[in-house]
Amino acid sequence: MTLEEVAEYLRVSERTVAEWAGKGELPGGKIGTTWRFRASDIEDWLNHKNFSENQKKDHRVMNHLNRWLHHQELQLWMKSISRMYLIK
């Protein structure tokens, strides 16, 4: 694939593709002065990128849920302690 084709496929600018490739963030190589990319490498990169982003989202959701559960446990504990002192 050419740089232009990859940019169109990923729906980003050609400049962005060139920057990513130049930094080694996007798999590709130069033939002379022209960037070339294998479609399978771009697909693998895209799938891995989406998987990583989903993992980050899942991690944020789990952290939020854990904080909420911890808060609920504290609330229950405080109610039980207050009941103990009110009964005596």
C-alpha atoms as a PDB file:
ATOM      1  CA  MET A   1       0.000   0.000   0.000  1.00  0.00           C
ATOM      2  CA  THR A   2       1.142   3.544  -0.599  1.00  0.00           C
ATOM      3  CA  LEU A   3       1.183   6.272   2.004  1.00  0.00           C
ATOM      4  CA  GLU A   4      -1.846   7.814   0.319  1.00  0.00           C
ATOM      5  CA  GLU A   5      -3.774   4.529   0.406  1.00  0.00           C
ATOM      6  CA  VAL A   6      -2.992   3.986   4.086  1.00  0.00           C
ATOM      7  CA  ALA A   7      -4.073   7.544   4.916  1.00  0.00           C
ATOM      8  CA  GLU A   8      -7.341   7.044   3.095  1.00  0.00           C
ATOM      9  CA  TYR A   9      -7.901   3.656   4.715  1.00  0.00           C
ATOM     10  CA  LEU A  10      -7.210   4.975   8.230  1.00  0.00           C
ATOM     11  CA  ARG A  11      -9.010   8.258   7.525  1.00  0.00           C
ATOM     12  CA  VAL A  12      -6.098  10.381   8.639  1.00  0.00           C
ATOM     13  CA  SER A  13      -3.858  12.773   6.751  1.00  0.00           C
ATOM     14  CA  GLU A  14      -0.889  11.621   4.722  1.00  0.00           C
ATOM     15  CA  ARG A  15       1.291  13.708   7.020  1.00  0.00           C
ATOM     16  CA  THR A  16       0.022  11.759  10.054  1.00  0.00           C
ATOM     17  CA  VAL A  17       0.796   8.436   8.374  1.00  0.00           C
ATOM     18  CA  ALA A  18       4.290   9.657   7.471  1.00  0.00           C
ATOM     19  CA  GLU A  19       4.895  10.861  11.049  1.00  0.00           C
ATOM     20  CA  TRP A  20       3.685   7.581  12.566  1.00  0.00           C
ATOM     21  CA  ALA A  21       5.794   5.554  10.149  1.00  0.00           C
ATOM     22  CA  GLY A  22       8.831   7.770  10.717  1.00  0.00           C
ATOM     23  CA  LYS A  23       8.538   7.278  14.487  1.00  0.00           C
ATOM     24  CA  GLY A  24       8.122   3.520  14.056  1.00  0.00           C
ATOM     25  CA  GLU A  25       4.577   3.629  15.426  1.00  0.00           C
ATOM     26  CA  LEU A  26       3.116   2.347  12.158  1.00  0.00           C
ATOM     27  CA  PRO A  27       4.703  -0.654  10.405  1.00  0.00           C
ATOM     28  CA  GLY A  28       6.155   0.250   7.038  1.00  0.00           C
ATOM     29  CA  GLY A  29       9.340   0.872   5.189  1.00  0.00           C
ATOM     30  CA  LYS A  30      10.830   3.116   2.603  1.00  0.00           C
ATOM     31  CA  ILE A  31      11.768   2.101  -0.894  1.00  0.00           C
ATOM     32  CA  GLY A  32      14.018   4.963  -1.882  1.00  0.00           C
ATOM     33  CA  THR A  33      12.118   7.998  -0.661  1.00  0.00           C
ATOM     34  CA  THR A  34       8.650   6.440  -0.885  1.00  0.00           C
ATOM     35  CA  TRP A  35       6.854   4.813   2.025  1.00  0.00           C
ATOM     36  CA  ARG A  36       5.323   1.367   1.425  1.00  0.00           C
ATOM     37  CA  PHE A  37       3.092  -0.647   3.724  1.00  0.00           C
ATOM     38  CA  ARG A  38       1.782  -4.203   3.749  1.00  0.00           C
ATOM     39  CA  ALA A  39      -1.993  -4.364   4.120  1.00  0.00           C
ATOM     40  CA  SER A  40      -1.688  -7.264   6.570  1.00  0.00           C
ATOM     41  CA  ASP A  41       0.701  -5.247   8.776  1.00  0.00           C
ATOM     42  CA  ILE A  42      -1.698  -2.301   8.802  1.00  0.00           C
ATOM     43  CA  GLU A  43      -4.598  -4.614   9.737  1.00  0.00           C
ATOM     44  CA  ASP A  44      -2.561  -6.197  12.544  1.00  0.00           C
ATOM     45  CA  TRP A  45      -1.496  -2.761  13.816  1.00  0.00           C
ATOM     46  CA  LEU A  46      -5.077  -1.514  13.751  1.00  0.00           C
ATOM     47  CA  ASN A  47      -6.417  -4.598  15.552  1.00  0.00           C
ATOM     48  CA  HIS A  48      -3.708  -4.363  18.229  1.00  0.00           C
ATOM     49  CA  LYS A  49      -4.311  -0.631  18.676  1.00  0.00           C
ATOM     50  CA  ASN A  50      -8.069  -1.146  19.123  1.00  0.00           C
ATOM     51  CA  PHE A  51      -7.451  -4.026  21.557  1.00  0.00           C
ATOM     52  CA  SER A  52      -5.088  -1.882  23.641  1.00  0.00           C
ATOM     53  CA  GLU A  53      -7.547   1.013  23.763  1.00  0.00           C
ATOM     54  CA  ASN A  54     -10.363  -1.330  24.815  1.00  0.00           C
ATOM     55  CA  GLN A  55      -8.147  -2.724  27.575  1.00  0.00           C
ATOM     56  CA  LYS A  56      -7.554   0.812  28.864  1.00  0.00           C
ATOM     57  CA  LYS A  57     -11.297   1.527  28.828  1.00  0.00           C
ATOM     58  CA  ASP A  58     -12.004  -1.744  30.659  1.00  0.00           C
ATOM     59  CA  HIS A  59      -9.363  -0.870  33.254  1.00  0.00           C
ATOM     60  CA  ARG A  60     -10.910   2.574  33.848  1.00  0.00           C
ATOM     61  CA  VAL A  61     -14.380   1.037  34.216  1.00  0.00           C
ATOM     62  CA  MET A  62     -13.108  -1.560  36.685  1.00  0.00           C
ATOM     63  CA  ASN A  63     -11.327   1.107  38.749  1.00  0.00           C
ATOM     64  CA  HIS A  64     -14.501   3.176  38.882  1.00  0.00           C
ATOM     65  CA  LEU A  65     -16.554   0.125  39.849  1.00  0.00           C
ATOM     66  CA  ASN A  66     -14.058  -0.861  42.548  1.00  0.00           C
ATOM     67  CA  ARG A  67     -14.146   2.653  44.034  1.00  0.00           C
ATOM     68  CA  TRP A  68     -17.940   2.577  44.016  1.00  0.00           C
ATOM     69  CA  LEU A  69     -18.035  -0.846  45.671  1.00  0.00           C
ATOM     70  CA  HIS A  70     -15.503   0.255  48.275  1.00  0.00           C
ATOM     71  CA  HIS A  71     -17.668   3.288  49.024  1.00  0.00           C
ATOM     72  CA  GLN A  72     -20.745   1.068  49.381  1.00  0.00           C
ATOM     73  CA  GLU A  73     -18.867  -1.281  51.725  1.00  0.00           C
ATOM     74  CA  LEU A  74     -17.795   1.675  53.840  1.00  0.00           C
ATOM     75  CA  GLN A  75     -21.364   2.923  54.001  1.00  0.00           C
ATOM     76  CA  LEU A  76     -22.596  -0.487  55.180  1.00  0.00           C
ATOM     77  CA  TRP A  77     -19.796  -0.755  57.728  1.00  0.00           C
ATOM     78  CA  MET A  78     -20.577   2.710  59.094  1.00  0.00           C
ATOM     79  CA  LYS A  79     -24.273   1.825  59.406  1.00  0.00           C
ATOM     80  CA  SER A  80     -23.469  -1.379  61.270  1.00  0.00           C
ATOM     81  CA  ILE A  81     -21.091   0.444  63.631  1.00  0.00           C
ATOM     82  CA  SER A  82     -23.616   3.188  64.307  1.00  0.00           C
ATOM     83  CA  ARG A  83     -26.288   0.563  65.040  1.00  0.00           C
ATOM     84  CA  MET A  84     -23.962  -1.169  67.478  1.00  0.00           C
ATOM     85  CA  TYR A  85     -23.461   2.039  69.409  1.00  0.00           C
ATOM     86  CA  LEU A  86     -27.145   2.967  69.310  1.00  0.00           C
ATOM     87  CA  ILE A  87     -28.225  -0.438  70.668  1.00  0.00           C
ATOM     88  CA  LYS A  88     -25.928  -0.302  73.692  1.00  0.00           C
END
